[in-house]
Amino acid sequence: MAKVSELRDMSVDQLEATLKETTEHFFRLRLQAQTERLDAPSELRKCRRLIARIKTIRNERAAAEANQSTESNEQE
């Protein structure tokens, strides 16, 4: 699992790719859990938290970008 600092160093495209990959992995794990073939139930929690971390970083960047554009518009 990627650490938060590693996620923050990623570009937007890399974050989106990681999010897509992790979401697909989470879906497969959920299917395995429903069919009772899941080896490590803690893997579900790890995937959920990684998805949340990626979305949080994405939202932080969007808010910072919006804040920057608002400040630049106020200065003009």
Protein backbone atom coordinates (compact mmCIF):
# COMPACT_ATOMS: atom_id res chain seq x y z
CA MET A 1 0.00 0.00 0.00
CA ALA A 2 1.22 3.46 -0.86
CA LYS A 3 2.00 5.90 1.89
CA VAL A 4 0.35 9.31 1.96
CA SER A 5 3.63 11.03 1.08
CA GLU A 6 3.99 8.78 -1.97
CA LEU A 7 0.43 9.58 -3.02
CA ARG A 8 1.02 13.32 -2.65
CA ASP A 9 4.09 13.07 -4.89
CA MET A 10 2.04 11.51 -7.70
CA SER A 11 0.68 13.53 -10.58
CA VAL A 12 -3.05 13.86 -11.16
CA ASP A 13 -2.96 11.22 -13.91
CA GLN A 14 -1.07 8.78 -11.71
CA LEU A 15 -3.56 9.34 -8.88
CA GLU A 16 -6.49 8.69 -11.19
CA ALA A 17 -4.88 5.49 -12.50
CA THR A 18 -4.16 4.31 -8.95
CA LEU A 19 -7.73 5.11 -7.92
CA LYS A 20 -9.16 3.16 -10.85
CA GLU A 21 -6.89 0.19 -10.17
CA THR A 22 -7.67 0.17 -6.45
CA THR A 23 -11.41 0.48 -7.05
CA GLU A 24 -11.33 -2.51 -9.40
CA HIS A 25 -9.29 -4.47 -6.85
CA PHE A 26 -11.78 -3.55 -4.12
CA PHE A 27 -14.65 -4.77 -6.31
CA ARG A 28 -12.93 -8.12 -6.85
CA LEU A 29 -12.29 -8.45 -3.12
CA ARG A 30 -15.94 -7.74 -2.35
CA LEU A 31 -17.00 -10.46 -4.77
CA GLN A 32 -14.60 -12.88 -3.11
CA ALA A 33 -15.97 -11.92 0.30
CA GLN A 34 -19.53 -12.64 -0.84
CA THR A 35 -18.56 -16.08 -2.11
CA GLU A 36 -16.65 -16.73 1.14
CA ARG A 37 -13.32 -17.29 -0.57
CA LEU A 38 -11.55 -14.22 0.82
CA ASP A 39 -8.18 -15.11 2.37
CA ALA A 40 -7.42 -11.80 4.09
CA PRO A 41 -10.49 -9.81 5.20
CA SER A 42 -8.21 -6.97 6.31
CA GLU A 43 -7.50 -6.36 2.62
CA LEU A 44 -10.99 -4.87 2.25
CA ARG A 45 -10.26 -2.24 4.88
CA LYS A 46 -6.89 -1.42 3.33
CA CYS A 47 -8.45 -0.89 -0.08
CA ARG A 48 -11.26 1.25 1.32
CA ARG A 49 -8.82 3.44 3.16
CA LEU A 50 -6.50 3.79 0.15
CA ILE A 51 -9.46 4.88 -1.98
CA ALA A 52 -10.42 7.43 0.68
CA ARG A 53 -6.84 8.76 0.86
CA ILE A 54 -6.65 9.19 -2.90
CA LYS A 55 -10.00 10.98 -3.02
CA THR A 56 -8.98 13.23 -0.13
CA ILE A 57 -5.77 14.25 -1.86
CA ARG A 58 -7.67 14.84 -5.09
CA ASN A 59 -10.20 17.06 -3.26
CA GLU A 60 -7.43 18.96 -1.45
CA ARG A 61 -5.77 19.74 -4.76
CA ALA A 62 -9.06 20.87 -6.28
CA ALA A 63 -9.75 23.15 -3.31
CA ALA A 64 -6.24 24.61 -3.46
CA GLU A 65 -6.67 25.24 -7.18
CA ALA A 66 -10.02 26.93 -6.64
CA ASN A 67 -8.55 29.02 -3.84
CA GLN A 68 -5.66 30.10 -6.05
CA SER A 69 -7.96 31.11 -8.90
CA THR A 70 -10.17 33.05 -6.48
CA GLU A 71 -7.17 34.92 -5.08
CA SER A 72 -5.86 35.75 -8.54
CA ASN A 73 -9.29 37.05 -9.57
CA GLU A 74 -9.46 39.26 -6.46
CA GLN A 75 -6.06 40.80 -7.23
CA GLU A 76 -7.11 41.85 -10.72
